[in-house]
Amino acid sequence: MTQPDILCIGSVLWDVIGRSASHMSQGSDVPGRITRLPGGVALNIAMTLARFGLRPALLSAVGRDAEGDALIAACRSLGMDVAHLYRSDDLPTDRYMAVEGANGLIAAIADAHSLEAAGAKILRPLSDGTLGSADAPFAGHIALDGNLTLPLLTEIATSPLFAAAQLHVAPASPGKAERLLPFVTHGRGHLYVNLEEAGLLCQTTFDSARAAAEALLARGAARVLVTDGGGAACDGADGQLIEDHPPEVLVTRVTGAGDTFMAAHIAAERSGADRASALASALGAAARYVSGDTPL
């Protein structure tokens, strides 16, 4: 079996997203469009990596239901390796629901209970010799999201099964940001967070990505990439901080922008780009995504 270019571990589910061109607040009832698309942080990252010509493999939990069959077929058609997905007979396929208005994300609910219930079962290919083992751990790139439980993420941060891998970790949402603390304290992986998530990890607030990156590095993080919407982003590692601004665009969607940034950054560095060029490439890809220029 051909080894994948990168493993994407975490949520693989259906995104149900309502978008309106109107400004919205609590209780708003406005016209718009409702779509159902393949989603989840791991899957969003994999989709972007596939658009860059890479072959990502998904490690996640998908139910043996009609929604799961349709989701796997969609993933396969998008160029992803779905051979290593854990299929559960008694767990339904997960879902994510969001409402977006002209003023951004209004509310979202992530139902990733099946992924959490499956736990370490989704990692079996990394220990049974399919993709790696304790004696010969997987040595490639891994994109990991914070939809896994804190105990499992803590185990991954110190597990010998991940010792040879280059880890790229995202929290999935501000509500799950603190699940990334094991990677900060153990100095493992490249952490991709926004300003709010950085503040939650440091139990404070920041007024700039640079300040957030400095604080995370001081707490033990090996490398951090902090974004701030349309503000400057910062890449911090080895005592060096690199800043860049995203291109100014008209924002038409926000769900998935951070995943696009992370995937584009991984793809750029994997192709040999230096840190400054990789940051610029990722910011450009995220800007094209939120403007609607990147196809869903």
C-alpha atoms as a PDB file:
ATOM      1  CA  MET A   1       0.000   0.000   0.000  1.00  0.00           C
ATOM      2  CA  THR A   2       1.288   3.463  -0.924  1.00  0.00           C
ATOM      3  CA  GLN A   3       2.150   5.555   2.116  1.00  0.00           C
ATOM      4  CA  PRO A   4       0.191   8.821   2.340  1.00  0.00           C
ATOM      5  CA  ASP A   5       1.964  12.176   2.210  1.00  0.00           C
ATOM      6  CA  ILE A   6       0.410  13.274   5.505  1.00  0.00           C
ATOM      7  CA  LEU A   7      -1.974  11.946   8.142  1.00  0.00           C
ATOM      8  CA  CYS A   8      -4.957  14.068   9.205  1.00  0.00           C
ATOM      9  CA  ILE A   9      -6.239  12.959  12.608  1.00  0.00           C
ATOM     10  CA  GLY A  10      -9.430  14.305  14.158  1.00  0.00           C
ATOM     11  CA  SER A  11     -12.937  15.251  13.125  1.00  0.00           C
ATOM     12  CA  VAL A  12     -14.402  13.974   9.865  1.00  0.00           C
ATOM     13  CA  LEU A  13     -18.083  14.862   9.685  1.00  0.00           C
ATOM     14  CA  TRP A  14     -20.843  16.692   7.830  1.00  0.00           C
ATOM     15  CA  ASP A  15     -20.891  20.502   8.027  1.00  0.00           C
ATOM     16  CA  VAL A  16     -24.392  21.969   8.011  1.00  0.00           C
ATOM     17  CA  ILE A  17     -23.930  25.721   7.549  1.00  0.00           C
ATOM     18  CA  GLY A  18     -26.499  28.483   7.210  1.00  0.00           C
ATOM     19  CA  ARG A  19     -25.215  31.696   5.641  1.00  0.00           C
ATOM     20  CA  SER A  20     -26.984  35.022   5.259  1.00  0.00           C
ATOM     21  CA  ALA A  21     -25.910  38.310   3.738  1.00  0.00           C
ATOM     22  CA  SER A  22     -27.725  40.088   6.575  1.00  0.00           C
ATOM     23  CA  HIS A  23     -26.259  41.351   9.822  1.00  0.00           C
ATOM     24  CA  MET A  24     -27.386  38.919  12.533  1.00  0.00           C
ATOM     25  CA  SER A  25     -27.746  38.871  16.306  1.00  0.00           C
ATOM     26  CA  GLN A  26     -29.369  36.600  18.869  1.00  0.00           C
ATOM     27  CA  GLY A  27     -32.882  35.712  17.741  1.00  0.00           C
ATOM     28  CA  SER A  28     -32.407  36.835  14.110  1.00  0.00           C
ATOM     29  CA  ASP A  29     -34.650  35.137  11.531  1.00  0.00           C
ATOM     30  CA  VAL A  30     -33.371  36.039   8.065  1.00  0.00           C
ATOM     31  CA  PRO A  31     -33.244  34.580   4.543  1.00  0.00           C
ATOM     32  CA  GLY A  32     -30.103  32.796   3.419  1.00  0.00           C
ATOM     33  CA  ARG A  33     -28.692  29.518   2.167  1.00  0.00           C
ATOM     34  CA  ILE A  34     -28.198  26.239   4.023  1.00  0.00           C
ATOM     35  CA  THR A  35     -25.587  23.793   2.755  1.00  0.00           C
ATOM     36  CA  ARG A  36     -24.326  20.364   3.771  1.00  0.00           C
ATOM     37  CA  LEU A  37     -20.686  19.735   2.972  1.00  0.00           C
ATOM     38  CA  PRO A  38     -17.921  17.351   4.053  1.00  0.00           C
ATOM     39  CA  GLY A  39     -16.225  19.007   7.021  1.00  0.00           C
ATOM     40  CA  GLY A  40     -14.494  18.726  10.337  1.00  0.00           C
ATOM     41  CA  VAL A  41     -11.072  20.171  11.103  1.00  0.00           C
ATOM     42  CA  ALA A  42      -9.074  17.126   9.986  1.00  0.00           C
ATOM     43  CA  LEU A  43     -11.137  16.807   6.822  1.00  0.00           C
ATOM     44  CA  ASN A  44     -10.958  20.523   6.000  1.00  0.00           C
ATOM     45  CA  ILE A  45      -7.180  20.367   6.319  1.00  0.00           C
ATOM     46  CA  ALA A  46      -7.060  17.241   4.153  1.00  0.00           C
ATOM     47  CA  MET A  47      -9.207  18.853   1.444  1.00  0.00           C
ATOM     48  CA  THR A  48      -6.854  21.820   1.208  1.00  0.00           C
ATOM     49  CA  LEU A  49      -3.785  19.559   1.181  1.00  0.00           C
ATOM     50  CA  ALA A  50      -5.345  17.571  -1.667  1.00  0.00           C
ATOM     51  CA  ARG A  51      -5.825  20.795  -3.641  1.00  0.00           C
ATOM     52  CA  PHE A  52      -2.071  21.358  -3.244  1.00  0.00           C
ATOM     53  CA  GLY A  53      -1.436  17.981  -4.875  1.00  0.00           C
ATOM     54  CA  LEU A  54      -0.749  15.983  -1.703  1.00  0.00           C
ATOM     55  CA  ARG A  55      -2.308  12.644  -0.769  1.00  0.00           C
ATOM     56  CA  PRO A  56      -3.651  12.904   2.792  1.00  0.00           C
ATOM     57  CA  ALA A  57      -4.951   9.948   4.797  1.00  0.00           C
ATOM     58  CA  LEU A  58      -7.742  10.380   7.335  1.00  0.00           C
ATOM     59  CA  LEU A  59      -7.714   8.833  10.812  1.00  0.00           C
ATOM     60  CA  SER A  60     -11.074   9.360  12.454  1.00  0.00           C
ATOM     61  CA  ALA A  61     -14.363   7.688  13.357  1.00  0.00           C
ATOM     62  CA  VAL A  62     -17.230   7.449  10.879  1.00  0.00           C
ATOM     63  CA  GLY A  63     -20.463   5.580  11.511  1.00  0.00           C
ATOM     64  CA  ARG A  64     -21.701   2.636   9.471  1.00  0.00           C
ATOM     65  CA  ASP A  65     -24.796   4.607   8.541  1.00  0.00           C
ATOM     66  CA  ALA A  66     -26.037   6.184   5.318  1.00  0.00           C
ATOM     67  CA  GLU A  67     -24.474   9.531   6.276  1.00  0.00           C
ATOM     68  CA  GLY A  68     -21.151   7.805   6.897  1.00  0.00           C
ATOM     69  CA  ASP A  69     -21.200   5.948   3.582  1.00  0.00           C
ATOM     70  CA  ALA A  70     -21.969   9.180   1.739  1.00  0.00           C
ATOM     71  CA  LEU A  71     -19.238  11.047   3.617  1.00  0.00           C
ATOM     72  CA  ILE A  72     -16.596   8.444   2.833  1.00  0.00           C
ATOM     73  CA  ALA A  73     -17.590   8.435  -0.846  1.00  0.00           C
ATOM     74  CA  ALA A  74     -17.260  12.237  -0.902  1.00  0.00           C
ATOM     75  CA  CYS A  75     -13.830  12.096   0.758  1.00  0.00           C
ATOM     76  CA  ARG A  76     -12.616   9.495  -1.693  1.00  0.00           C
ATOM     77  CA  SER A  77     -13.782  11.599  -4.647  1.00  0.00           C
ATOM     78  CA  LEU A  78     -11.835  14.557  -3.246  1.00  0.00           C
ATOM     79  CA  GLY A  79      -8.553  12.630  -3.350  1.00  0.00           C
ATOM     80  CA  MET A  80      -8.239  11.442   0.244  1.00  0.00           C
ATOM     81  CA  ASP A  81      -7.122   8.069   1.542  1.00  0.00           C
ATOM     82  CA  VAL A  82     -10.042   6.710   3.585  1.00  0.00           C
ATOM     83  CA  ALA A  83      -8.689   3.175   4.071  1.00  0.00           C
ATOM     84  CA  HIS A  84      -7.676   3.796   7.706  1.00  0.00           C
ATOM     85  CA  LEU A  85     -10.926   5.266   9.045  1.00  0.00           C
ATOM     86  CA  TYR A  86     -12.485   3.532  12.035  1.00  0.00           C
ATOM     87  CA  ARG A  87     -16.054   2.482  11.132  1.00  0.00           C
ATOM     88  CA  SER A  88     -18.328   2.011  14.112  1.00  0.00           C
ATOM     89  CA  ASP A  89     -21.473  -0.145  14.087  1.00  0.00           C
ATOM     90  CA  ASP A  90     -23.066   1.647  17.031  1.00  0.00           C
ATOM     91  CA  LEU A  91     -21.808   5.248  16.746  1.00  0.00           C
ATOM     92  CA  PRO A  92     -23.456   7.696  14.319  1.00  0.00           C
ATOM     93  CA  THR A  93     -21.523   9.906  11.933  1.00  0.00           C
ATOM     94  CA  ASP A  94     -20.663  13.216  13.598  1.00  0.00           C
ATOM     95  CA  ARG A  95     -22.032  16.607  12.520  1.00  0.00           C
ATOM     96  CA  TYR A  96     -21.233  20.310  12.857  1.00  0.00           C
ATOM     97  CA  MET A  97     -23.799  23.088  12.562  1.00  0.00           C
ATOM     98  CA  ALA A  98     -23.033  26.799  12.175  1.00  0.00           C
ATOM     99  CA  VAL A  99     -24.847  30.038  11.397  1.00  0.00           C
ATOM    100  CA  GLU A 100     -22.946  32.867   9.698  1.00  0.00           C
ATOM    101  CA  GLY A 101     -24.102  36.395   8.964  1.00  0.00           C
ATOM    102  CA  ALA A 102     -22.570  39.441   7.329  1.00  0.00           C
ATOM    103  CA  ASN A 103     -20.960  40.126  10.711  1.00  0.00           C
ATOM    104  CA  GLY A 104     -19.233  36.714  10.885  1.00  0.00           C
ATOM    105  CA  LEU A 105     -19.908  33.542  12.828  1.00  0.00           C
ATOM    106  CA  ILE A 106     -23.036  33.890  14.968  1.00  0.00           C
ATOM    107  CA  ALA A 107     -23.100  30.464  16.620  1.00  0.00           C
ATOM    108  CA  ALA A 108     -21.908  26.902  16.088  1.00  0.00           C
ATOM    109  CA  ILE A 109     -22.364  23.476  17.644  1.00  0.00           C
ATOM    110  CA  ALA A 110     -19.873  20.667  17.058  1.00  0.00           C
ATOM    111  CA  ASP A 111     -21.314  17.190  17.650  1.00  0.00           C
ATOM    112  CA  ALA A 112     -18.115  15.120  17.722  1.00  0.00           C
ATOM    113  CA  HIS A 113     -19.328  12.654  20.349  1.00  0.00           C
ATOM    114  CA  SER A 114     -18.622   9.609  18.183  1.00  0.00           C
ATOM    115  CA  LEU A 115     -15.012  10.682  17.652  1.00  0.00           C
ATOM    116  CA  GLU A 116     -14.586  11.151  21.394  1.00  0.00           C
ATOM    117  CA  ALA A 117     -16.250   7.800  22.140  1.00  0.00           C
ATOM    118  CA  ALA A 118     -14.047   5.962  19.647  1.00  0.00           C
ATOM    119  CA  GLY A 119     -10.966   7.344  21.399  1.00  0.00           C
ATOM    120  CA  ALA A 120      -7.677   5.565  20.748  1.00  0.00           C
ATOM    121  CA  LYS A 121      -9.313   3.099  18.328  1.00  0.00           C
ATOM    122  CA  ILE A 122      -8.798   5.620  15.534  1.00  0.00           C
ATOM    123  CA  LEU A 123      -5.010   5.398  16.110  1.00  0.00           C
ATOM    124  CA  ARG A 124      -4.676   1.631  15.610  1.00  0.00           C
ATOM    125  CA  PRO A 125      -3.022   1.966  12.166  1.00  0.00           C
ATOM    126  CA  LEU A 126      -0.136   3.756  13.906  1.00  0.00           C
ATOM    127  CA  SER A 127       0.551   0.831  16.235  1.00  0.00           C
ATOM    128  CA  ASP A 128      -0.413  -2.319  14.309  1.00  0.00           C
ATOM    129  CA  GLY A 129       2.170  -1.925  11.565  1.00  0.00           C
ATOM    130  CA  THR A 130      -0.199  -0.554   8.933  1.00  0.00           C
ATOM    131  CA  LEU A 131       1.248   2.965   9.121  1.00  0.00           C
ATOM    132  CA  GLY A 132       3.677   2.534  11.976  1.00  0.00           C
ATOM    133  CA  SER A 133       4.482   0.695  15.199  1.00  0.00           C
ATOM    134  CA  ALA A 134       6.290   1.219  18.482  1.00  0.00           C
ATOM    135  CA  ASP A 135       9.507  -0.114  16.897  1.00  0.00           C
ATOM    136  CA  ALA A 136       9.056   1.855  13.661  1.00  0.00           C
ATOM    137  CA  PRO A 137       6.881   4.900  14.358  1.00  0.00           C
ATOM    138  CA  PHE A 138       5.361   6.914  11.551  1.00  0.00           C
ATOM    139  CA  ALA A 139       7.982   9.434  10.440  1.00  0.00           C
ATOM    140  CA  GLY A 140       6.007  11.828   8.259  1.00  0.00           C
ATOM    141  CA  HIS A 141       3.791  14.853   8.787  1.00  0.00           C
ATOM    142  CA  ILE A 142       0.688  14.625  10.978  1.00  0.00           C
ATOM    143  CA  ALA A 143      -2.072  17.227  11.238  1.00  0.00           C
ATOM    144  CA  LEU A 144      -3.945  16.768  14.501  1.00  0.00           C
ATOM    145  CA  ASP A 145      -7.031  18.567  15.811  1.00  0.00           C
ATOM    146  CA  GLY A 146      -8.359  19.242  19.290  1.00  0.00           C
ATOM    147  CA  ASN A 147     -11.644  17.401  18.827  1.00  0.00           C
ATOM    148  CA  LEU A 148      -9.953  14.404  20.445  1.00  0.00           C
ATOM    149  CA  THR A 149     -10.348  14.112  24.196  1.00  0.00           C
ATOM    150  CA  LEU A 150      -7.831  15.706  26.562  1.00  0.00           C
ATOM    151  CA  PRO A 151      -6.613  12.303  27.885  1.00  0.00           C
ATOM    152  CA  LEU A 152      -5.981  11.072  24.336  1.00  0.00           C
ATOM    153  CA  LEU A 153      -4.230  14.301  23.310  1.00  0.00           C
ATOM    154  CA  THR A 154      -2.100  14.088  26.461  1.00  0.00           C
ATOM    155  CA  GLU A 155      -1.138  10.543  25.519  1.00  0.00           C
ATOM    156  CA  ILE A 156      -0.257  11.600  21.959  1.00  0.00           C
ATOM    157  CA  ALA A 157       1.981  14.414  23.236  1.00  0.00           C
ATOM    158  CA  THR A 158       4.277  11.872  24.903  1.00  0.00           C
ATOM    159  CA  SER A 159       3.602   8.643  22.979  1.00  0.00           C
ATOM    160  CA  PRO A 160       6.543   6.907  21.253  1.00  0.00           C
ATOM    161  CA  LEU A 161       4.162   6.217  18.331  1.00  0.00           C
ATOM    162  CA  PHE A 162       4.412   9.942  17.489  1.00  0.00           C
ATOM    163  CA  ALA A 163       8.050  10.466  18.432  1.00  0.00           C
ATOM    164  CA  ALA A 164       9.337  10.479  14.840  1.00  0.00           C
ATOM    165  CA  ALA A 165       6.477  12.493  13.331  1.00  0.00           C
ATOM    166  CA  GLN A 166       6.340  16.193  12.593  1.00  0.00           C
ATOM    167  CA  LEU A 167       3.186  17.219  14.433  1.00  0.00           C
ATOM    168  CA  HIS A 168       0.958  20.139  13.418  1.00  0.00           C
ATOM    169  CA  VAL A 169      -1.766  20.768  15.998  1.00  0.00           C
ATOM    170  CA  ALA A 170      -4.908  22.938  15.946  1.00  0.00           C
ATOM    171  CA  PRO A 171      -7.460  23.312  18.757  1.00  0.00           C
ATOM    172  CA  ALA A 172     -10.588  22.984  16.519  1.00  0.00           C
ATOM    173  CA  SER A 173     -12.346  25.859  18.345  1.00  0.00           C
ATOM    174  CA  PRO A 174     -11.765  28.297  21.214  1.00  0.00           C
ATOM    175  CA  GLY A 175     -13.873  26.045  23.448  1.00  0.00           C
ATOM    176  CA  LYS A 176     -11.320  23.275  23.013  1.00  0.00           C
ATOM    177  CA  ALA A 177      -8.165  25.386  23.029  1.00  0.00           C
ATOM    178  CA  GLU A 178      -7.035  24.256  26.468  1.00  0.00           C
ATOM    179  CA  ARG A 179      -6.863  20.668  25.213  1.00  0.00           C
ATOM    180  CA  LEU A 180      -3.614  21.701  23.516  1.00  0.00           C
ATOM    181  CA  LEU A 181      -1.850  22.396  26.826  1.00  0.00           C
ATOM    182  CA  PRO A 182       0.027  19.040  26.785  1.00  0.00           C
ATOM    183  CA  PHE A 183       1.747  20.097  23.551  1.00  0.00           C
ATOM    184  CA  VAL A 184       2.745  23.421  25.107  1.00  0.00           C
ATOM    185  CA  THR A 185       4.129  21.907  28.314  1.00  0.00           C
ATOM    186  CA  HIS A 186       5.954  19.085  26.497  1.00  0.00           C
ATOM    187  CA  GLY A 187       7.250  21.359  23.727  1.00  0.00           C
ATOM    188  CA  ARG A 188       5.797  19.153  20.988  1.00  0.00           C
ATOM    189  CA  GLY A 189       4.540  20.110  17.573  1.00  0.00           C
ATOM    190  CA  HIS A 190       3.662  23.243  15.664  1.00  0.00           C
ATOM    191  CA  LEU A 191       0.604  24.883  17.241  1.00  0.00           C
ATOM    192  CA  TYR A 192      -1.854  26.800  15.051  1.00  0.00           C
ATOM    193  CA  VAL A 193      -4.097  29.098  17.120  1.00  0.00           C
ATOM    194  CA  ASN A 194      -5.968  32.361  16.783  1.00  0.00           C
ATOM    195  CA  LEU A 195      -5.674  35.235  19.232  1.00  0.00           C
ATOM    196  CA  GLU A 196      -8.571  34.071  21.404  1.00  0.00           C
ATOM    197  CA  GLU A 197      -7.271  30.497  21.584  1.00  0.00           C
ATOM    198  CA  ALA A 198      -3.789  31.726  22.501  1.00  0.00           C
ATOM    199  CA  GLY A 199      -5.331  33.746  25.330  1.00  0.00           C
ATOM    200  CA  LEU A 200      -7.184  30.718  26.658  1.00  0.00           C
ATOM    201  CA  LEU A 201      -3.995  28.658  26.632  1.00  0.00           C
ATOM    202  CA  CYS A 202      -2.203  31.398  28.576  1.00  0.00           C
ATOM    203  CA  GLN A 203      -5.221  32.344  30.735  1.00  0.00           C
ATOM    204  CA  THR A 204      -5.073  35.971  29.666  1.00  0.00           C
ATOM    205  CA  THR A 205      -5.907  38.180  26.675  1.00  0.00           C
ATOM    206  CA  PHE A 206      -3.601  39.538  23.992  1.00  0.00           C
ATOM    207  CA  ASP A 207      -3.815  42.573  21.736  1.00  0.00           C
ATOM    208  CA  SER A 208      -1.513  41.180  19.053  1.00  0.00           C
ATOM    209  CA  ALA A 209      -0.415  37.887  17.548  1.00  0.00           C
ATOM    210  CA  ARG A 210       3.196  38.753  18.338  1.00  0.00           C
ATOM    211  CA  ALA A 211       2.470  39.126  22.054  1.00  0.00           C
ATOM    212  CA  ALA A 212       0.546  35.851  22.029  1.00  0.00           C
ATOM    213  CA  ALA A 213       3.365  34.004  20.257  1.00  0.00           C
ATOM    214  CA  GLU A 214       5.929  35.342  22.728  1.00  0.00           C
ATOM    215  CA  ALA A 215       3.836  34.183  25.688  1.00  0.00           C
ATOM    216  CA  LEU A 216       3.260  30.682  24.293  1.00  0.00           C
ATOM    217  CA  LEU A 217       6.963  30.232  23.568  1.00  0.00           C
ATOM    218  CA  ALA A 218       7.756  31.378  27.104  1.00  0.00           C
ATOM    219  CA  ARG A 219       5.409  28.689  28.433  1.00  0.00           C
ATOM    220  CA  GLY A 220       7.332  25.969  26.590  1.00  0.00           C
ATOM    221  CA  ALA A 221       5.771  25.708  23.126  1.00  0.00           C
ATOM    222  CA  ALA A 222       8.249  24.617  20.465  1.00  0.00           C
ATOM    223  CA  ARG A 223       6.636  26.586  17.643  1.00  0.00           C
ATOM    224  CA  VAL A 224       3.435  28.615  17.326  1.00  0.00           C
ATOM    225  CA  LEU A 225       1.563  30.260  14.478  1.00  0.00           C
ATOM    226  CA  VAL A 226      -0.921  32.810  15.745  1.00  0.00           C
ATOM    227  CA  THR A 227      -3.527  34.464  13.521  1.00  0.00           C
ATOM    228  CA  ASP A 228      -5.712  37.498  14.234  1.00  0.00           C
ATOM    229  CA  GLY A 229      -8.340  37.647  11.488  1.00  0.00           C
ATOM    230  CA  GLY A 230      -7.462  40.601   9.294  1.00  0.00           C
ATOM    231  CA  GLY A 231      -4.662  41.668  11.644  1.00  0.00           C
ATOM    232  CA  ALA A 232      -1.008  40.642  11.579  1.00  0.00           C
ATOM    233  CA  ALA A 233      -0.159  36.964  12.071  1.00  0.00           C
ATOM    234  CA  CYS A 234       2.998  35.720  13.777  1.00  0.00           C
ATOM    235  CA  ASP A 235       5.198  32.643  13.444  1.00  0.00           C
ATOM    236  CA  GLY A 236       7.305  32.102  16.564  1.00  0.00           C
ATOM    237  CA  ALA A 237      10.102  29.561  17.095  1.00  0.00           C
ATOM    238  CA  ASP A 238      13.708  29.392  18.293  1.00  0.00           C
ATOM    239  CA  GLY A 239      13.535  32.924  19.653  1.00  0.00           C
ATOM    240  CA  GLN A 240      12.609  34.345  16.240  1.00  0.00           C
ATOM    241  CA  LEU A 241       9.266  36.026  15.526  1.00  0.00           C
ATOM    242  CA  ILE A 242       8.099  36.556  11.942  1.00  0.00           C
ATOM    243  CA  GLU A 243       5.063  38.742  11.243  1.00  0.00           C
ATOM    244  CA  ASP A 244       2.975  39.297   8.126  1.00  0.00           C
ATOM    245  CA  HIS A 245      -0.416  40.769   7.255  1.00  0.00           C
ATOM    246  CA  PRO A 246      -3.119  38.917   5.302  1.00  0.00           C
ATOM    247  CA  PRO A 247      -4.338  40.472   2.041  1.00  0.00           C
ATOM    248  CA  GLU A 248      -7.430  42.664   2.420  1.00  0.00           C
ATOM    249  CA  VAL A 249     -10.486  40.900   0.988  1.00  0.00           C
ATOM    250  CA  LEU A 250     -14.258  40.986   1.259  1.00  0.00           C
ATOM    251  CA  VAL A 251     -15.202  38.289   3.779  1.00  0.00           C
ATOM    252  CA  THR A 252     -17.993  35.994   2.537  1.00  0.00           C
ATOM    253  CA  ARG A 253     -17.424  33.014   4.869  1.00  0.00           C
ATOM    254  CA  VAL A 254     -15.375  32.190   7.949  1.00  0.00           C
ATOM    255  CA  THR A 255     -15.942  28.527   8.856  1.00  0.00           C
ATOM    256  CA  GLY A 256     -12.855  26.599   7.738  1.00  0.00           C
ATOM    257  CA  ALA A 257     -10.542  29.609   7.315  1.00  0.00           C
ATOM    258  CA  GLY A 258      -8.158  28.521  10.073  1.00  0.00           C
ATOM    259  CA  ASP A 259      -8.024  24.988   8.682  1.00  0.00           C
ATOM    260  CA  THR A 260      -7.167  26.389   5.248  1.00  0.00           C
ATOM    261  CA  PHE A 261      -4.384  28.524   6.748  1.00  0.00           C
ATOM    262  CA  MET A 262      -2.888  25.521   8.543  1.00  0.00           C
ATOM    263  CA  ALA A 263      -3.036  23.220   5.518  1.00  0.00           C
ATOM    264  CA  ALA A 264      -1.555  25.814   3.187  1.00  0.00           C
ATOM    265  CA  HIS A 265       1.260  26.468   5.656  1.00  0.00           C
ATOM    266  CA  ILE A 266       2.071  22.751   5.964  1.00  0.00           C
ATOM    267  CA  ALA A 267       2.038  22.358   2.176  1.00  0.00           C
ATOM    268  CA  ALA A 268       4.319  25.373   1.675  1.00  0.00           C
ATOM    269  CA  GLU A 269       6.931  24.213   4.184  1.00  0.00           C
ATOM    270  CA  ARG A 270       6.743  20.644   2.918  1.00  0.00           C
ATOM    271  CA  SER A 271       7.611  21.965  -0.552  1.00  0.00           C
ATOM    272  CA  GLY A 272      10.680  23.739   0.843  1.00  0.00           C
ATOM    273  CA  ALA A 273       9.454  27.293   1.483  1.00  0.00           C
ATOM    274  CA  ASP A 274      11.242  29.271   4.185  1.00  0.00           C
ATOM    275  CA  ARG A 275       9.296  30.487   7.225  1.00  0.00           C
ATOM    276  CA  ALA A 276       8.476  33.944   5.868  1.00  0.00           C
ATOM    277  CA  SER A 277       7.359  32.599   2.498  1.00  0.00           C
ATOM    278  CA  ALA A 278       5.282  29.843   4.103  1.00  0.00           C
ATOM    279  CA  LEU A 279       3.499  32.360   6.344  1.00  0.00           C
ATOM    280  CA  ALA A 280       2.728  34.617   3.383  1.00  0.00           C
ATOM    281  CA  SER A 281       1.469  31.654   1.351  1.00  0.00           C
ATOM    282  CA  ALA A 282      -0.818  30.492   4.158  1.00  0.00           C
ATOM    283  CA  LEU A 283      -2.252  33.974   4.721  1.00  0.00           C
ATOM    284  CA  GLY A 284      -2.920  34.323   1.014  1.00  0.00           C
ATOM    285  CA  ALA A 285      -4.691  30.955   0.858  1.00  0.00           C
ATOM    286  CA  ALA A 286      -6.864  31.811   3.876  1.00  0.00           C
ATOM    287  CA  ALA A 287      -7.754  35.195   2.365  1.00  0.00           C
ATOM    288  CA  ARG A 288      -8.802  33.590  -0.906  1.00  0.00           C
ATOM    289  CA  TYR A 289     -10.902  31.129   1.056  1.00  0.00           C
ATOM    290  CA  VAL A 290     -12.814  33.702   3.113  1.00  0.00           C
ATOM    291  CA  SER A 291     -13.369  35.824  -0.009  1.00  0.00           C
ATOM    292  CA  GLY A 292     -15.076  32.867  -1.687  1.00  0.00           C
ATOM    293  CA  ASP A 293     -12.457  32.493  -4.431  1.00  0.00           C
ATOM    294  CA  THR A 294     -11.480  28.994  -3.270  1.00  0.00           C
ATOM    295  CA  PRO A 295     -14.114  26.384  -4.219  1.00  0.00           C
ATOM    296  CA  LEU A 296     -15.848  24.476  -1.436  1.00  0.00           C
END
